Structures are given as structure tokens and as C-alpha cells.
Amino acid sequence: MKKISKRARVLTGGAALAAVGVGVFGTVSANAATPAAAPAAAVAKADVKNKNTTQSTHLTIDAATKAAQAALDAAEKENQHVSVAVVDRNGNSVVTLRGDGAGPQAYESAEKKAYTAVSWNAPTSELAKRLTNTPNLKDIPGTLFLAGGAPVTAKAAPIAGIGVAGAPSGDLDEKFAQAGVAALGK
């Protein structure tokens, strides 16, 4: 039997180890990139039959954009510089438009008004009136009890909120928010 030098044994061993490593890496990568079809199908079937789940309705991005733009257009027709926000049922921002010349506070105020409207499924002007009986409502984080927010509903349930801020009065803000809601019915 021929004797192999130490250097040749190290090189041969290293090459063998590299080949095994590449094979293992390839197997792991292939398994990670290929989803298991059968278990995913089984989960989908289980979810369909599960009576412990619910579905909710949300505005599409196109509908939210349409509503926000309609509110902004209504404000611009009256030469008002506002920001408009549309939030989903969970209060997450979907669209926010800052009109030309809107003040820096208007952006955040519009989002808070939209969140407040969807949270209570009521215009924020109505909610502001409730503060006389329940003044601690204003302490709820993320809310703003000033006129300018309007809920969007489907089957009497709130699905979104539209908030407008920046006009000289909350009544104007709310008028523009209602224009956004009205645009969704067209």
C-alpha cells in the first residue's frame, strides 16, 4: 500500500468535508425554500370549519385614497389648507394626505380624529359633547375629541375613520371628512 503524505491527507480530508457541507447546505436550503403543500392545505381546511374565527371588512387602498382625496378636494374648494387621514377598523393609518399649506399639527390631529371616530363609531363632534359627562374620555391614548372625524360603516359596523384637521373650525373639518365618507357611496 502506498503511503500518502500528510499534506495530501489534509487536502483530501478538507475536500471531502467541503463536499459533505455543500450537500447538507443544499438540502437545508431546498427544504427551507419549498413550502410543505399538504400541511398548508390541511390548515386552510381547518380554518374554514373553525367557528372561533371572524372576518372583518376593510377599505381597499383605492377606496381609502378616493375618500381622502375627496375630503381634500372639498377643503380646497373652500380655500382651506388641511390634512386628511384614513384609518382602518383597527386604527392603523391607511392613507394620509397633507394638503398644500396645511399646518404641521394638522397631520397628527387628522390621524387622531380618524382613530377616535372609528373607535366609537361616531362623528368626533358628537363625542366631544360627551366630555361634559365623562371628561376622562380625553385621557385615552391616541384620541382627539375635537370635531373633524367621521366613521365609515358597513352593515352598521365601523370599518374605517376619516379625520380632517387644519381648517379654522372643527365644523369645517368635519364637513370635509363627511365629503370623504360620501365619496365612498358613489
N, C-alpha and C. Protein backbone atom coordinates (compact mmCIF):
# COMPACT_ATOMS: atom_id res chain seq x y z
N MET A 1 0.83 -1.16 0.00
CA MET A 1 0.00 0.00 0.00
C MET A 1 0.88 1.24 0.00
N LYS A 2 0.51 2.22 -0.84
CA LYS A 2 1.30 3.42 -0.98
C LYS A 2 0.97 4.37 0.15
N LYS A 3 1.97 4.99 0.71
CA LYS A 3 1.82 5.90 1.81
C LYS A 3 1.49 7.29 1.24
N ILE A 4 0.45 7.96 1.86
CA ILE A 4 0.03 9.30 1.41
C ILE A 4 0.67 10.31 2.36
N SER A 5 1.15 11.38 1.77
CA SER A 5 1.79 12.40 2.60
C SER A 5 0.76 13.10 3.48
N LYS A 6 1.26 13.69 4.52
CA LYS A 6 0.39 14.39 5.46
C LYS A 6 -0.36 15.52 4.74
N ARG A 7 0.34 16.20 3.87
CA ARG A 7 -0.28 17.31 3.13
C ARG A 7 -1.41 16.79 2.25
N ALA A 8 -1.23 15.69 1.57
CA ALA A 8 -2.26 15.12 0.69
C ALA A 8 -3.46 14.68 1.51
N ARG A 9 -3.22 14.09 2.72
CA ARG A 9 -4.33 13.65 3.59
C ARG A 9 -5.16 14.87 4.05
N VAL A 10 -4.50 15.96 4.40
CA VAL A 10 -5.21 17.17 4.85
C VAL A 10 -6.05 17.73 3.71
N LEU A 11 -5.45 17.81 2.52
CA LEU A 11 -6.19 18.33 1.37
C LEU A 11 -7.36 17.44 0.99
N THR A 12 -7.17 16.11 1.00
CA THR A 12 -8.24 15.18 0.66
C THR A 12 -9.35 15.25 1.71
N GLY A 13 -8.98 15.31 2.97
CA GLY A 13 -9.97 15.40 4.05
C GLY A 13 -10.75 16.70 3.96
N GLY A 14 -10.06 17.78 3.67
CA GLY A 14 -10.73 19.09 3.54
C GLY A 14 -11.70 19.10 2.38
N ALA A 15 -11.32 18.49 1.27
CA ALA A 15 -12.20 18.43 0.10
C ALA A 15 -13.43 17.58 0.40
N ALA A 16 -13.24 16.47 1.09
CA ALA A 16 -14.37 15.61 1.45
C ALA A 16 -15.32 16.34 2.40
N LEU A 17 -14.77 17.04 3.37
CA LEU A 17 -15.58 17.78 4.32
C LEU A 17 -16.36 18.89 3.61
N ALA A 18 -15.72 19.58 2.67
CA ALA A 18 -16.39 20.63 1.90
C ALA A 18 -17.54 20.05 1.08
N ALA A 19 -17.33 18.88 0.47
CA ALA A 19 -18.38 18.25 -0.34
C ALA A 19 -19.58 17.89 0.52
N VAL A 20 -19.33 17.34 1.70
CA VAL A 20 -20.42 17.00 2.62
C VAL A 20 -21.16 18.27 3.05
N GLY A 21 -20.41 19.32 3.37
CA GLY A 21 -21.02 20.58 3.79
C GLY A 21 -21.90 21.18 2.72
N VAL A 22 -21.45 21.18 1.48
CA VAL A 22 -22.25 21.70 0.37
C VAL A 22 -23.52 20.89 0.20
N GLY A 23 -23.43 19.59 0.35
CA GLY A 23 -24.61 18.73 0.23
C GLY A 23 -25.63 19.01 1.32
N VAL A 24 -25.16 19.17 2.55
CA VAL A 24 -26.06 19.47 3.66
C VAL A 24 -26.69 20.85 3.47
N PHE A 25 -25.89 21.85 3.10
CA PHE A 25 -26.41 23.19 2.90
C PHE A 25 -27.47 23.20 1.80
N GLY A 26 -27.20 22.50 0.71
CA GLY A 26 -28.17 22.43 -0.40
C GLY A 26 -29.47 21.80 0.03
N THR A 27 -29.40 20.75 0.83
CA THR A 27 -30.61 20.09 1.31
C THR A 27 -31.41 21.00 2.22
N VAL A 28 -30.74 21.66 3.14
CA VAL A 28 -31.42 22.58 4.06
C VAL A 28 -32.03 23.74 3.28
N SER A 29 -31.30 24.31 2.33
CA SER A 29 -31.81 25.43 1.54
C SER A 29 -33.02 25.02 0.73
N ALA A 30 -32.95 23.86 0.10
CA ALA A 30 -34.07 23.39 -0.70
C ALA A 30 -35.30 23.18 0.16
N ASN A 31 -35.13 22.62 1.35
CA ASN A 31 -36.28 22.40 2.23
C ASN A 31 -36.85 23.71 2.75
N ALA A 32 -36.01 24.69 3.00
CA ALA A 32 -36.48 25.97 3.51
C ALA A 32 -37.22 26.75 2.43
N ALA A 33 -36.81 26.60 1.17
CA ALA A 33 -37.42 27.35 0.09
C ALA A 33 -38.71 26.71 -0.42
N THR A 34 -38.91 25.45 -0.15
CA THR A 34 -40.07 24.75 -0.67
C THR A 34 -41.09 24.56 0.45
N PRO A 35 -42.24 25.26 0.40
CA PRO A 35 -43.23 25.09 1.45
C PRO A 35 -43.89 23.72 1.34
N ALA A 36 -44.26 23.20 2.47
CA ALA A 36 -44.94 21.91 2.50
C ALA A 36 -46.39 22.11 2.10
N ALA A 37 -46.78 21.59 0.95
CA ALA A 37 -48.12 21.83 0.41
C ALA A 37 -49.20 21.12 1.22
N ALA A 38 -48.97 19.92 1.62
CA ALA A 38 -50.02 19.16 2.30
C ALA A 38 -50.41 19.77 3.65
N PRO A 39 -49.47 20.11 4.53
CA PRO A 39 -49.89 20.71 5.79
C PRO A 39 -50.58 22.05 5.61
N ALA A 40 -50.16 22.88 4.65
CA ALA A 40 -50.79 24.17 4.43
C ALA A 40 -52.24 23.98 4.02
N ALA A 41 -52.51 23.00 3.16
CA ALA A 41 -53.88 22.71 2.74
C ALA A 41 -54.71 22.24 3.93
N ALA A 42 -54.13 21.45 4.79
CA ALA A 42 -54.86 20.96 5.96
C ALA A 42 -55.21 22.12 6.89
N VAL A 43 -54.31 23.09 7.05
CA VAL A 43 -54.58 24.24 7.91
C VAL A 43 -55.71 25.07 7.32
N ALA A 44 -55.71 25.27 5.99
CA ALA A 44 -56.77 26.05 5.36
C ALA A 44 -58.13 25.41 5.59
N LYS A 45 -58.21 24.11 5.47
CA LYS A 45 -59.47 23.42 5.70
C LYS A 45 -59.91 23.57 7.15
N ALA A 46 -58.99 23.48 8.06
CA ALA A 46 -59.33 23.61 9.48
C ALA A 46 -59.85 25.00 9.79
N ASP A 47 -59.27 26.04 9.17
CA ASP A 47 -59.71 27.41 9.42
C ASP A 47 -61.12 27.65 8.89
N VAL A 48 -61.46 27.06 7.77
CA VAL A 48 -62.79 27.24 7.21
C VAL A 48 -63.85 26.68 8.16
N LYS A 49 -63.55 25.59 8.80
CA LYS A 49 -64.51 24.96 9.69
C LYS A 49 -64.47 25.52 11.11
N ASN A 50 -63.47 26.33 11.42
CA ASN A 50 -63.29 26.83 12.77
C ASN A 50 -64.32 27.90 13.10
N LYS A 51 -65.15 27.65 14.08
CA LYS A 51 -66.17 28.61 14.48
C LYS A 51 -65.66 29.63 15.48
N ASN A 52 -64.37 29.58 15.77
CA ASN A 52 -63.76 30.52 16.70
C ASN A 52 -63.09 31.69 15.99
N THR A 53 -63.32 31.83 14.70
CA THR A 53 -62.73 32.93 13.95
C THR A 53 -63.82 33.86 13.45
N THR A 54 -63.42 35.05 13.04
CA THR A 54 -64.35 36.02 12.50
C THR A 54 -63.70 36.72 11.32
N GLN A 55 -64.50 37.32 10.49
CA GLN A 55 -63.99 38.09 9.37
C GLN A 55 -64.37 39.54 9.58
N SER A 56 -63.55 40.43 9.08
CA SER A 56 -63.88 41.84 9.18
C SER A 56 -63.72 42.50 7.81
N THR A 57 -64.40 43.60 7.65
CA THR A 57 -64.38 44.33 6.39
C THR A 57 -63.45 45.53 6.52
N HIS A 58 -62.64 45.73 5.50
CA HIS A 58 -61.71 46.86 5.48
C HIS A 58 -61.83 47.56 4.13
N LEU A 59 -61.54 48.86 4.13
CA LEU A 59 -61.49 49.59 2.87
C LEU A 59 -60.26 49.15 2.09
N THR A 60 -60.39 49.12 0.79
CA THR A 60 -59.22 48.89 -0.05
C THR A 60 -58.38 50.17 -0.04
N ILE A 61 -57.14 50.06 -0.45
CA ILE A 61 -56.28 51.24 -0.54
C ILE A 61 -56.86 52.23 -1.54
N ASP A 62 -57.46 51.72 -2.62
CA ASP A 62 -58.07 52.61 -3.62
C ASP A 62 -59.25 53.38 -3.02
N ALA A 63 -60.08 52.70 -2.25
CA ALA A 63 -61.23 53.37 -1.64
C ALA A 63 -60.77 54.39 -0.60
N ALA A 64 -59.79 54.03 0.20
CA ALA A 64 -59.27 54.96 1.21
C ALA A 64 -58.67 56.19 0.55
N THR A 65 -57.95 55.98 -0.54
CA THR A 65 -57.35 57.10 -1.27
C THR A 65 -58.44 57.98 -1.89
N LYS A 66 -59.46 57.35 -2.43
CA LYS A 66 -60.59 58.10 -3.03
C LYS A 66 -61.26 58.98 -1.96
N ALA A 67 -61.50 58.42 -0.78
CA ALA A 67 -62.14 59.17 0.30
C ALA A 67 -61.26 60.32 0.77
N ALA A 68 -59.97 60.05 0.94
CA ALA A 68 -59.05 61.09 1.40
C ALA A 68 -58.96 62.22 0.37
N GLN A 69 -58.88 61.86 -0.89
CA GLN A 69 -58.78 62.88 -1.94
C GLN A 69 -60.06 63.70 -2.02
N ALA A 70 -61.23 63.05 -1.85
CA ALA A 70 -62.50 63.78 -1.88
C ALA A 70 -62.57 64.78 -0.73
N ALA A 71 -62.11 64.40 0.45
CA ALA A 71 -62.10 65.31 1.59
C ALA A 71 -61.15 66.48 1.33
N LEU A 72 -59.98 66.18 0.80
CA LEU A 72 -59.01 67.23 0.50
C LEU A 72 -59.54 68.17 -0.59
N ASP A 73 -60.18 67.62 -1.61
CA ASP A 73 -60.76 68.44 -2.68
C ASP A 73 -61.86 69.36 -2.13
N ALA A 74 -62.70 68.83 -1.22
CA ALA A 74 -63.76 69.65 -0.63
C ALA A 74 -63.16 70.83 0.14
N ALA A 75 -62.07 70.57 0.85
CA ALA A 75 -61.41 71.65 1.59
C ALA A 75 -60.79 72.67 0.65
N GLU A 76 -60.16 72.19 -0.41
CA GLU A 76 -59.52 73.11 -1.36
C GLU A 76 -60.53 73.99 -2.08
N LYS A 77 -61.75 73.47 -2.31
CA LYS A 77 -62.80 74.27 -2.94
C LYS A 77 -63.17 75.47 -2.08
N GLU A 78 -62.98 75.31 -0.77
CA GLU A 78 -63.28 76.41 0.15
C GLU A 78 -62.00 77.12 0.62
N ASN A 79 -60.93 76.89 -0.13
CA ASN A 79 -59.63 77.52 0.13
C ASN A 79 -59.11 77.25 1.54
N GLN A 80 -59.30 76.02 2.00
CA GLN A 80 -58.82 75.61 3.32
C GLN A 80 -57.61 74.70 3.15
N HIS A 81 -56.65 74.84 4.04
CA HIS A 81 -55.41 74.07 3.99
C HIS A 81 -55.45 73.04 5.12
N VAL A 82 -55.72 71.80 4.75
CA VAL A 82 -55.93 70.75 5.76
C VAL A 82 -55.10 69.51 5.45
N SER A 83 -55.05 68.64 6.45
CA SER A 83 -54.53 67.29 6.26
C SER A 83 -55.69 66.33 6.46
N VAL A 84 -55.65 65.21 5.76
CA VAL A 84 -56.70 64.21 5.83
C VAL A 84 -56.07 62.86 6.12
N ALA A 85 -56.68 62.12 7.04
CA ALA A 85 -56.19 60.77 7.36
C ALA A 85 -57.34 59.78 7.28
N VAL A 86 -57.04 58.60 6.78
CA VAL A 86 -57.99 57.49 6.78
C VAL A 86 -57.32 56.34 7.52
N VAL A 87 -58.02 55.84 8.54
CA VAL A 87 -57.51 54.70 9.31
C VAL A 87 -58.45 53.52 9.13
N ASP A 88 -57.93 52.31 9.31
CA ASP A 88 -58.77 51.12 9.19
C ASP A 88 -59.49 50.85 10.51
N ARG A 89 -60.22 49.77 10.56
CA ARG A 89 -61.03 49.42 11.74
C ARG A 89 -60.18 49.31 13.00
N ASN A 90 -58.94 48.96 12.85
CA ASN A 90 -58.05 48.80 14.00
C ASN A 90 -57.31 50.09 14.35
N GLY A 91 -57.60 51.15 13.62
CA GLY A 91 -56.95 52.43 13.90
C GLY A 91 -55.60 52.61 13.22
N ASN A 92 -55.25 51.70 12.34
CA ASN A 92 -53.97 51.80 11.61
C ASN A 92 -54.13 52.73 10.42
N SER A 93 -53.17 53.60 10.22
CA SER A 93 -53.22 54.53 9.09
C SER A 93 -53.19 53.78 7.78
N VAL A 94 -54.11 54.16 6.89
CA VAL A 94 -54.13 53.59 5.55
C VAL A 94 -53.62 54.64 4.56
N VAL A 95 -54.15 55.86 4.66
CA VAL A 95 -53.75 56.96 3.78
C VAL A 95 -53.74 58.24 4.60
N THR A 96 -52.73 59.05 4.40
CA THR A 96 -52.71 60.39 4.99
C THR A 96 -52.22 61.35 3.91
N LEU A 97 -52.99 62.40 3.68
CA LEU A 97 -52.64 63.41 2.70
C LEU A 97 -52.48 64.74 3.41
N ARG A 98 -51.37 65.37 3.21
CA ARG A 98 -51.15 66.70 3.77
C ARG A 98 -51.34 67.70 2.65
N GLY A 99 -52.39 68.51 2.76
CA GLY A 99 -52.67 69.50 1.73
C GLY A 99 -51.63 70.59 1.72
N ASP A 100 -51.48 71.22 0.57
CA ASP A 100 -50.55 72.34 0.44
C ASP A 100 -50.90 73.42 1.46
N GLY A 101 -49.94 73.83 2.23
CA GLY A 101 -50.14 74.90 3.19
C GLY A 101 -50.73 74.46 4.52
N ALA A 102 -50.99 73.17 4.71
CA ALA A 102 -51.54 72.70 5.99
C ALA A 102 -50.50 72.86 7.08
N GLY A 103 -50.96 73.21 8.27
CA GLY A 103 -50.05 73.40 9.40
C GLY A 103 -49.43 72.09 9.85
N PRO A 104 -48.32 72.18 10.56
CA PRO A 104 -47.61 70.96 10.99
C PRO A 104 -48.40 70.11 11.98
N GLN A 105 -49.30 70.72 12.75
CA GLN A 105 -50.09 69.98 13.71
C GLN A 105 -51.24 69.23 13.05
N ALA A 106 -51.62 69.63 11.84
CA ALA A 106 -52.80 69.07 11.19
C ALA A 106 -52.65 67.58 10.87
N TYR A 107 -51.46 67.17 10.52
CA TYR A 107 -51.21 65.78 10.12
C TYR A 107 -51.57 64.82 11.26
N GLU A 108 -50.97 65.05 12.42
CA GLU A 108 -51.22 64.18 13.57
C GLU A 108 -52.64 64.32 14.09
N SER A 109 -53.18 65.52 14.08
CA SER A 109 -54.55 65.74 14.54
C SER A 109 -55.55 64.99 13.66
N ALA A 110 -55.33 65.00 12.35
CA ALA A 110 -56.23 64.28 11.44
C ALA A 110 -56.22 62.79 11.75
N GLU A 111 -55.05 62.22 11.99
CA GLU A 111 -54.96 60.79 12.31
C GLU A 111 -55.69 60.47 13.62
N LYS A 112 -55.52 61.33 14.62
CA LYS A 112 -56.18 61.10 15.91
C LYS A 112 -57.70 61.24 15.80
N LYS A 113 -58.17 62.18 15.01
CA LYS A 113 -59.61 62.34 14.81
C LYS A 113 -60.18 61.11 14.09
N ALA A 114 -59.48 60.62 13.09
CA ALA A 114 -59.94 59.43 12.37
C ALA A 114 -59.99 58.23 13.30
N TYR A 115 -58.96 58.06 14.12
CA TYR A 115 -58.90 56.96 15.10
C TYR A 115 -60.05 57.06 16.10
N THR A 116 -60.31 58.26 16.58
CA THR A 116 -61.38 58.46 17.55
C THR A 116 -62.73 58.14 16.93
N ALA A 117 -62.97 58.59 15.70
CA ALA A 117 -64.26 58.34 15.03
C ALA A 117 -64.51 56.85 14.82
N VAL A 118 -63.51 56.11 14.38
CA VAL A 118 -63.71 54.68 14.14
C VAL A 118 -63.82 53.92 15.46
N SER A 119 -63.12 54.37 16.48
CA SER A 119 -63.15 53.68 17.77
C SER A 119 -64.53 53.69 18.41
N TRP A 120 -65.23 54.81 18.27
CA TRP A 120 -66.56 54.92 18.88
C TRP A 120 -67.68 54.91 17.85
N ASN A 121 -67.37 54.75 16.57
CA ASN A 121 -68.36 54.71 15.51
C ASN A 121 -69.30 55.92 15.60
N ALA A 122 -68.69 57.09 15.75
CA ALA A 122 -69.47 58.32 15.84
C ALA A 122 -68.61 59.48 15.37
N PRO A 123 -69.27 60.52 14.85
CA PRO A 123 -68.51 61.72 14.49
C PRO A 123 -67.86 62.31 15.75
N THR A 124 -66.69 62.85 15.59
CA THR A 124 -65.98 63.37 16.76
C THR A 124 -66.66 64.59 17.36
N SER A 125 -67.48 65.30 16.59
CA SER A 125 -68.23 66.42 17.17
C SER A 125 -69.22 65.91 18.22
N GLU A 126 -69.83 64.76 17.95
CA GLU A 126 -70.74 64.16 18.93
C GLU A 126 -69.97 63.65 20.15
N LEU A 127 -68.82 63.08 19.91
CA LEU A 127 -68.02 62.56 21.01
C LEU A 127 -67.50 63.69 21.90
N ALA A 128 -67.19 64.84 21.31
CA ALA A 128 -66.72 65.98 22.10
C ALA A 128 -67.78 66.42 23.10
N LYS A 129 -69.06 66.30 22.72
CA LYS A 129 -70.17 66.66 23.62
C LYS A 129 -70.22 65.73 24.84
N ARG A 130 -69.77 64.50 24.67
CA ARG A 130 -69.81 63.53 25.77
C ARG A 130 -68.80 63.85 26.86
N LEU A 131 -67.84 64.70 26.56
CA LEU A 131 -66.81 65.04 27.55
C LEU A 131 -67.39 65.75 28.77
N THR A 132 -68.52 66.41 28.63
CA THR A 132 -69.10 67.08 29.79
C THR A 132 -69.54 66.06 30.84
N ASN A 133 -70.03 64.91 30.41
CA ASN A 133 -70.45 63.86 31.34
C ASN A 133 -69.31 62.91 31.72
N THR A 134 -68.37 62.73 30.80
CA THR A 134 -67.26 61.79 31.03
C THR A 134 -65.95 62.46 30.60
N PRO A 135 -65.44 63.37 31.41
CA PRO A 135 -64.25 64.12 30.99
C PRO A 135 -62.99 63.27 30.85
N ASN A 136 -62.96 62.10 31.49
CA ASN A 136 -61.75 61.28 31.39
C ASN A 136 -61.63 60.56 30.05
N LEU A 137 -62.63 60.65 29.18
CA LEU A 137 -62.52 60.07 27.83
C LEU A 137 -61.30 60.64 27.10
N LYS A 138 -61.04 61.92 27.32
CA LYS A 138 -59.93 62.58 26.61
C LYS A 138 -58.57 62.03 27.00
N ASP A 139 -58.53 61.25 28.08
CA ASP A 139 -57.26 60.68 28.54
C ASP A 139 -56.88 59.38 27.83
N ILE A 140 -57.76 58.88 26.99
CA ILE A 140 -57.47 57.64 26.26
C ILE A 140 -56.40 57.94 25.20
N PRO A 141 -55.29 57.20 25.23
CA PRO A 141 -54.19 57.48 24.29
C PRO A 141 -54.61 57.41 22.82
N GLY A 142 -54.10 58.34 22.04
CA GLY A 142 -54.32 58.34 20.60
C GLY A 142 -55.62 58.99 20.15
N THR A 143 -56.44 59.46 21.10
CA THR A 143 -57.72 60.04 20.73
C THR A 143 -57.65 61.57 20.73
N LEU A 144 -58.59 62.17 20.00
CA LEU A 144 -58.71 63.62 19.98
C LEU A 144 -60.19 63.95 19.83
N PHE A 145 -60.76 64.54 20.87
CA PHE A 145 -62.19 64.83 20.91
C PHE A 145 -62.47 66.25 20.44
N LEU A 146 -62.17 66.49 19.18
CA LEU A 146 -62.48 67.74 18.50
C LEU A 146 -63.21 67.38 17.22
N ALA A 147 -64.12 68.22 16.79
CA ALA A 147 -64.86 67.95 15.55
C ALA A 147 -63.88 67.82 14.39
N GLY A 148 -64.21 66.92 13.47
CA GLY A 148 -63.38 66.72 12.29
C GLY A 148 -63.16 65.27 11.93
N GLY A 149 -63.73 64.35 12.71
CA GLY A 149 -63.59 62.92 12.41
C GLY A 149 -64.95 62.31 12.09
N ALA A 150 -64.97 61.41 11.12
CA ALA A 150 -66.22 60.75 10.72
C ALA A 150 -65.96 59.26 10.52
N PRO A 151 -66.86 58.42 11.04
CA PRO A 151 -66.69 56.98 10.83
C PRO A 151 -67.21 56.56 9.45
N VAL A 152 -66.64 55.47 8.95
CA VAL A 152 -67.12 54.82 7.74
C VAL A 152 -67.67 53.48 8.19
N THR A 153 -68.90 53.17 7.79
CA THR A 153 -69.52 51.93 8.26
C THR A 153 -69.91 51.02 7.10
N ALA A 154 -70.04 49.75 7.42
CA ALA A 154 -70.59 48.75 6.52
C ALA A 154 -71.48 47.85 7.37
N LYS A 155 -72.74 47.75 7.01
CA LYS A 155 -73.71 46.99 7.80
C LYS A 155 -73.75 47.48 9.24
N ALA A 156 -73.73 48.80 9.40
CA ALA A 156 -73.80 49.49 10.69
C ALA A 156 -72.58 49.28 11.59
N ALA A 157 -71.56 48.62 11.09
CA ALA A 157 -70.34 48.40 11.88
C ALA A 157 -69.23 49.32 11.35
N PRO A 158 -68.42 49.89 12.24
CA PRO A 158 -67.35 50.78 11.78
C PRO A 158 -66.25 49.98 11.09
N ILE A 159 -65.84 50.47 9.91
CA ILE A 159 -64.76 49.79 9.18
C ILE A 159 -63.57 50.72 8.94
N ALA A 160 -63.77 52.02 9.13
CA ALA A 160 -62.70 52.99 8.92
C ALA A 160 -63.10 54.31 9.55
N GLY A 161 -62.13 55.19 9.65
CA GLY A 161 -62.39 56.54 10.13
C GLY A 161 -61.67 57.52 9.24
N ILE A 162 -62.31 58.67 9.01
CA ILE A 162 -61.69 59.73 8.22
C ILE A 162 -61.56 60.94 9.14
N GLY A 163 -60.37 61.47 9.23
CA GLY A 163 -60.13 62.65 10.04
C GLY A 163 -59.56 63.78 9.21
N VAL A 164 -60.03 64.98 9.50
CA VAL A 164 -59.55 66.18 8.81
C VAL A 164 -59.17 67.20 9.87
N ALA A 165 -58.06 67.87 9.67
CA ALA A 165 -57.62 68.91 10.61
C ALA A 165 -56.92 70.02 9.85
N GLY A 166 -57.06 71.23 10.37
CA GLY A 166 -56.36 72.37 9.79
C GLY A 166 -57.24 73.52 9.41
N ALA A 167 -58.56 73.30 9.24
CA ALA A 167 -59.46 74.41 8.94
C ALA A 167 -59.64 75.25 10.20
N PRO A 168 -60.14 76.46 10.07
CA PRO A 168 -60.28 77.32 11.24
C PRO A 168 -61.33 76.84 12.25
N SER A 169 -62.19 75.90 11.87
CA SER A 169 -63.16 75.37 12.83
C SER A 169 -63.33 73.87 12.64
N GLY A 170 -63.68 73.21 13.72
CA GLY A 170 -63.93 71.77 13.65
C GLY A 170 -65.12 71.44 12.79
N ASP A 171 -66.10 72.36 12.73
CA ASP A 171 -67.27 72.12 11.89
C ASP A 171 -66.86 71.99 10.42
N LEU A 172 -65.94 72.84 9.99
CA LEU A 172 -65.45 72.73 8.61
C LEU A 172 -64.67 71.43 8.42
N ASP A 173 -63.81 71.11 9.37
CA ASP A 173 -63.05 69.85 9.29
C ASP A 173 -64.00 68.67 9.12
N GLU A 174 -65.04 68.66 9.94
CA GLU A 174 -65.98 67.53 9.89
C GLU A 174 -66.78 67.52 8.59
N LYS A 175 -67.11 68.68 8.08
CA LYS A 175 -67.80 68.78 6.78
C LYS A 175 -66.95 68.12 5.69
N PHE A 176 -65.64 68.38 5.73
CA PHE A 176 -64.75 67.81 4.73
C PHE A 176 -64.60 66.30 4.93
N ALA A 177 -64.55 65.86 6.18
CA ALA A 177 -64.47 64.42 6.46
C ALA A 177 -65.72 63.71 5.94
N GLN A 178 -66.88 64.35 6.13
CA GLN A 178 -68.14 63.77 5.63
C GLN A 178 -68.14 63.70 4.10
N ALA A 179 -67.48 64.66 3.44
CA ALA A 179 -67.36 64.60 1.98
C ALA A 179 -66.56 63.37 1.56
N GLY A 180 -65.58 63.01 2.37
CA GLY A 180 -64.81 61.80 2.10
C GLY A 180 -65.67 60.54 2.26
N VAL A 181 -66.48 60.52 3.30
CA VAL A 181 -67.40 59.38 3.52
C VAL A 181 -68.39 59.29 2.35
N ALA A 182 -68.94 60.42 1.97
CA ALA A 182 -69.92 60.46 0.87
C ALA A 182 -69.33 59.96 -0.45
N ALA A 183 -68.04 60.22 -0.68
CA ALA A 183 -67.40 59.78 -1.92
C ALA A 183 -67.36 58.26 -2.03
N LEU A 184 -67.40 57.58 -0.91
CA LEU A 184 -67.36 56.12 -0.94
C LEU A 184 -68.70 55.52 -1.39
N GLY A 185 -69.77 56.31 -1.27
CA GLY A 185 -71.08 55.82 -1.70
C GLY A 185 -71.35 56.02 -3.16
N LYS A 186 -70.42 56.68 -3.85
CA LYS A 186 -70.63 56.96 -5.28
C LYS A 186 -70.07 55.88 -6.15
